[in-house]
Amino acid sequence: MDVTVLIPVYNEEQTIAEVISRSASGLSSANKIGEILVVDDGSSDGTMMKVLEESKKTHAEVRLVRHEQRLGVSTALRTGIRNARGDVIVIIPGDLESDPEHDIPLLLGSMSGADLVSGWRQGRTGSRIVASRLYNFLYRNVLKVNVHDANWIKCFKRQVADHMIWTRDWNRYLVFFAARAGFRIIEVPVPYYRRPHGRSKFGIMRLPSGFVSFLRTYNEVSKRSKERARSLPSPMAR
């Protein structure tokens, strides 16, 4: 299996069928053998299962993993990575803010010189961009990872996941963990689209909790780095 396209969803029954169809086209355009792994994070709308079952009739590469209750996107992504069969994992949202038909071949085509490719949203507007800019400013100036959009679509070799620290919001720091482990990272511009249905689960009101999460993750990584340094033999001992 070359690629796993990982799609976490929560109540995206109006868009998931089209996301699956476009993901299949994207894999075909990239000439890759792959699977489309949908992780349903406890969707409350019962039609989600019907939509996915209908999609599987047309696209045999679709697999479904389901949480019985909502556990959050970070847990859904971790479940997906644990169940992925591909050598490379592509993370795509289920709301059509990304176009998988365009983005999957672009991300995969950029992997020749990288271990992780991160998408950089172009054309994004609205109040959420304020939180995003602050978050990415901290990423560059505190975590010292030079990316403009660390929390968007990604494509990475599955061994990158071996270096994750599974904090509550670990998915926001996937690029940081990869950089810290010495993996090669490339950032590519990708078009951004306003979602055609529903509302985003993220907004500017999450800025305070997001900042606390950032500090918690930074402290946890610093603590583990110090513990690892203490466990190594000193130069004199060697």
Protein backbone atom coordinates (compact mmCIF):
# COMPACT_ATOMS: atom_id res chain seq x y z
CA MET A 1 0.00 0.00 0.00
CA ASP A 2 1.58 3.28 -1.13
CA VAL A 3 -0.64 5.88 0.49
CA THR A 4 -3.28 6.26 3.18
CA VAL A 5 -5.54 9.29 2.74
CA LEU A 6 -6.72 9.96 6.28
CA ILE A 7 -9.95 11.95 6.70
CA PRO A 8 -11.23 12.71 10.22
CA VAL A 9 -14.91 13.68 10.22
CA TYR A 10 -17.58 14.85 12.62
CA ASN A 11 -21.05 15.50 11.19
CA GLU A 12 -19.78 16.07 7.65
CA GLU A 13 -22.44 13.96 5.95
CA GLN A 14 -23.12 16.72 3.39
CA THR A 15 -19.54 16.77 2.08
CA ILE A 16 -17.86 13.44 2.86
CA ALA A 17 -19.07 11.62 -0.28
CA GLU A 18 -17.57 14.31 -2.51
CA VAL A 19 -14.35 14.38 -0.46
CA ILE A 20 -14.01 10.61 -0.93
CA SER A 21 -14.66 10.85 -4.66
CA ARG A 22 -12.12 13.65 -5.11
CA SER A 23 -9.59 11.81 -2.94
CA ALA A 24 -9.90 8.74 -5.17
CA SER A 25 -9.33 10.96 -8.22
CA GLY A 26 -6.33 12.54 -6.52
CA LEU A 27 -4.74 9.15 -5.84
CA SER A 28 -5.37 8.10 -9.42
CA SER A 29 -3.81 11.31 -10.77
CA ALA A 30 -0.74 10.69 -8.62
CA ASN A 31 -0.50 7.10 -9.93
CA LYS A 32 -0.55 5.72 -6.40
CA ILE A 33 -2.13 2.62 -4.90
CA GLY A 34 -3.86 3.69 -1.75
CA GLU A 35 -6.69 3.56 0.70
CA ILE A 36 -9.09 6.24 1.91
CA LEU A 37 -9.42 5.86 5.67
CA VAL A 38 -12.33 7.79 7.19
CA VAL A 39 -12.36 8.16 10.98
CA ASP A 40 -15.87 9.08 12.12
CA ASP A 41 -15.46 10.80 15.48
CA GLY A 42 -18.84 9.87 16.93
CA SER A 43 -21.00 11.80 14.44
CA SER A 44 -24.48 12.41 15.83
CA ASP A 45 -26.21 12.29 12.43
CA GLY A 46 -27.12 8.69 11.64
CA THR A 47 -26.91 9.27 7.88
CA MET A 48 -23.10 9.39 8.06
CA MET A 49 -22.92 5.60 8.02
CA LYS A 50 -25.32 5.41 5.06
CA VAL A 51 -23.28 7.92 3.07
CA LEU A 52 -20.04 6.06 3.76
CA GLU A 53 -21.52 2.68 2.89
CA GLU A 54 -22.77 4.10 -0.42
CA SER A 55 -19.32 5.51 -1.14
CA LYS A 56 -17.72 2.12 -0.51
CA LYS A 57 -19.85 0.62 -3.30
CA THR A 58 -18.16 2.94 -5.80
CA HIS A 59 -14.74 3.22 -4.17
CA ALA A 60 -13.49 -0.11 -2.86
CA GLU A 61 -10.47 1.60 -1.31
CA VAL A 62 -12.62 3.23 1.40
CA ARG A 63 -12.24 2.00 4.98
CA LEU A 64 -14.14 3.25 8.02
CA VAL A 65 -13.09 3.42 11.65
CA ARG A 66 -15.67 4.80 14.06
CA HIS A 67 -15.57 6.24 17.56
CA GLU A 68 -18.76 5.58 19.47
CA GLN A 69 -18.57 9.05 20.99
CA ARG A 70 -16.87 12.30 20.07
CA LEU A 71 -13.26 12.30 21.29
CA GLY A 72 -11.84 15.24 19.31
CA VAL A 73 -9.84 15.62 16.12
CA SER A 74 -6.47 14.84 17.74
CA THR A 75 -7.75 11.47 18.95
CA ALA A 76 -9.43 10.79 15.60
CA LEU A 77 -6.16 11.44 13.78
CA ARG A 78 -4.22 9.25 16.19
CA THR A 79 -6.74 6.44 15.61
CA GLY A 80 -6.30 6.91 11.88
CA ILE A 81 -2.50 6.77 12.03
CA ARG A 82 -2.64 3.60 14.12
CA ASN A 83 -4.92 1.98 11.53
CA ALA A 84 -3.19 3.30 8.41
CA ARG A 85 -1.71 0.73 6.01
CA GLY A 86 0.13 3.11 3.69
CA ASP A 87 3.84 3.92 3.68
CA VAL A 88 2.85 7.58 3.32
CA ILE A 89 -0.05 9.28 5.13
CA VAL A 90 -1.96 12.25 3.75
CA ILE A 91 -4.24 14.16 6.13
CA ILE A 92 -7.20 15.87 4.44
CA PRO A 93 -10.26 17.53 6.08
CA GLY A 94 -13.75 16.26 5.41
CA ASP A 95 -15.38 19.66 4.80
CA LEU A 96 -14.03 20.61 1.32
CA GLU A 97 -11.93 23.52 2.61
CA SER A 98 -9.21 21.59 0.76
CA ASP A 99 -9.67 20.07 -2.71
CA PRO A 100 -8.20 16.54 -2.48
CA GLU A 101 -8.28 16.13 -6.27
CA HIS A 102 -5.74 18.95 -6.55
CA ASP A 103 -3.93 18.74 -3.22
CA ILE A 104 -3.17 15.01 -2.97
CA PRO A 105 -1.09 14.87 -6.19
CA LEU A 106 0.62 18.15 -5.22
CA LEU A 107 1.60 16.91 -1.75
CA LEU A 108 2.73 13.50 -2.98
CA GLY A 109 4.67 15.04 -5.85
CA SER A 110 6.61 17.19 -3.39
CA MET A 111 7.67 14.22 -1.26
CA SER A 112 10.69 13.38 -3.43
CA GLY A 113 12.83 15.82 -1.44
CA ALA A 114 11.11 15.61 1.92
CA ASP A 115 9.87 13.40 4.74
CA LEU A 116 6.93 15.72 5.46
CA VAL A 117 5.13 18.19 3.20
CA SER A 118 2.94 20.83 4.84
CA GLY A 119 0.25 22.77 2.99
CA TRP A 120 0.18 26.58 3.24
CA ARG A 121 -3.35 27.99 2.75
CA GLN A 122 -3.71 30.71 0.12
CA GLY A 123 -6.72 33.05 0.00
CA ARG A 124 -7.92 32.49 3.55
CA THR A 125 -9.96 35.29 5.15
CA GLY A 126 -12.16 35.82 8.21
CA SER A 127 -11.68 36.07 11.97
CA ARG A 128 -9.94 32.68 12.23
CA ILE A 129 -6.89 34.02 10.40
CA VAL A 130 -6.02 36.14 13.47
CA ALA A 131 -5.64 33.05 15.64
CA SER A 132 -3.75 31.28 12.86
CA ARG A 133 -1.26 34.12 12.45
CA LEU A 134 -0.54 34.26 16.18
CA TYR A 135 -0.13 30.50 16.37
CA ASN A 136 2.25 30.41 13.41
CA PHE A 137 4.20 33.40 14.77
CA LEU A 138 4.84 31.38 17.94
CA TYR A 139 5.75 28.39 15.82
CA ARG A 140 8.46 30.30 14.00
CA ASN A 141 9.79 32.39 16.89
CA VAL A 142 9.48 30.04 19.87
CA LEU A 143 9.62 26.57 18.36
CA LYS A 144 12.05 27.76 15.65
CA VAL A 145 10.28 25.94 12.81
CA ASN A 146 10.10 28.12 9.71
CA VAL A 147 6.61 27.37 8.35
CA HIS A 148 3.72 29.73 7.63
CA ASP A 149 0.80 27.35 8.24
CA ALA A 150 1.60 24.49 10.59
CA ASN A 151 -1.96 23.33 11.20
CA TRP A 152 -3.25 22.44 7.75
CA ILE A 153 -3.11 19.49 5.34
CA LYS A 154 0.00 17.31 5.48
CA CYS A 155 1.72 14.41 3.79
CA PHE A 156 4.38 12.45 5.66
CA LYS A 157 6.23 9.15 5.81
CA ARG A 158 4.69 6.91 8.44
CA GLN A 159 7.94 6.70 10.46
CA VAL A 160 7.45 10.39 11.30
CA ALA A 161 4.61 9.26 13.58
CA ASP A 162 7.11 7.32 15.69
CA HIS A 163 8.42 10.66 16.95
CA MET A 164 5.11 12.17 18.01
CA ILE A 165 4.50 13.17 21.61
CA TRP A 166 0.83 12.36 22.04
CA THR A 167 -0.31 15.47 23.89
CA ARG A 168 -3.97 16.46 23.85
CA ASP A 169 -3.43 18.71 20.80
CA TRP A 170 -0.46 16.84 19.34
CA ASN A 171 -1.75 17.28 15.76
CA ARG A 172 -1.07 21.03 15.92
CA TYR A 173 2.61 20.26 16.54
CA LEU A 174 3.18 17.47 14.03
CA VAL A 175 5.53 19.66 11.98
CA PHE A 176 7.45 20.63 15.13
CA PHE A 177 7.89 17.02 16.23
CA ALA A 178 9.09 16.08 12.75
CA ALA A 179 11.58 18.97 12.66
CA ARG A 180 12.81 18.15 16.15
CA ALA A 181 13.51 14.55 15.04
CA GLY A 182 15.55 15.78 12.06
CA PHE A 183 13.11 14.99 9.25
CA ARG A 184 13.19 17.04 6.04
CA ILE A 185 10.21 19.42 5.76
CA ILE A 186 8.83 21.25 2.73
CA GLU A 187 5.96 23.76 2.69
CA VAL A 188 3.84 24.15 -0.46
CA PRO A 189 1.11 26.74 -1.19
CA VAL A 190 -2.38 25.25 -1.65
CA PRO A 191 -5.72 26.93 -2.48
CA TYR A 192 -8.14 27.44 0.40
CA TYR A 193 -11.92 27.19 -0.07
CA ARG A 194 -14.72 28.26 2.24
CA ARG A 195 -16.64 25.23 3.40
CA PRO A 196 -19.94 24.85 1.50
CA HIS A 197 -21.91 23.42 4.44
CA GLY A 198 -21.95 23.70 8.21
CA ARG A 199 -19.71 25.74 10.46
CA SER A 200 -16.11 25.33 11.54
CA LYS A 201 -15.46 23.84 14.96
CA PHE A 202 -12.66 26.37 15.50
CA GLY A 203 -12.97 30.08 16.17
CA ILE A 204 -11.19 33.04 17.70
CA MET A 205 -12.71 32.25 21.12
CA ARG A 206 -10.34 29.29 21.32
CA LEU A 207 -7.30 31.59 21.35
CA PRO A 208 -6.77 31.48 25.15
CA SER A 209 -7.04 27.68 25.39
CA GLY A 210 -4.86 27.35 22.29
CA PHE A 211 -2.16 29.47 23.89
CA VAL A 212 -2.29 27.38 27.07
CA SER A 213 -2.00 24.24 24.92
CA PHE A 214 1.03 25.75 23.18
CA LEU A 215 2.79 26.43 26.50
CA ARG A 216 1.89 22.97 27.82
CA THR A 217 3.31 21.25 24.74
CA TYR A 218 6.45 23.41 24.76
CA ASN A 219 7.07 22.61 28.44
CA GLU A 220 6.45 18.89 27.88
CA VAL A 221 8.92 18.74 24.98
CA SER A 222 11.51 20.72 26.96
CA LYS A 223 11.08 18.39 29.94
CA ARG A 224 11.50 15.26 27.82
CA SER A 225 14.56 16.71 26.10
CA LYS A 226 16.20 17.39 29.47
CA GLU A 227 15.35 13.89 30.71
CA ARG A 228 16.84 12.38 27.57
CA ALA A 229 20.00 14.49 27.94
CA ARG A 230 20.41 13.34 31.56
CA SER A 231 20.02 9.69 30.53
CA LEU A 232 22.88 9.87 28.00
CA PRO A 233 26.40 9.04 29.23
CA SER A 234 28.64 12.07 29.79
CA PRO A 235 31.60 12.68 27.43
CA MET A 236 33.99 11.81 30.28
CA ALA A 237 32.27 8.46 30.76
CA ARG A 238 32.67 7.69 27.06
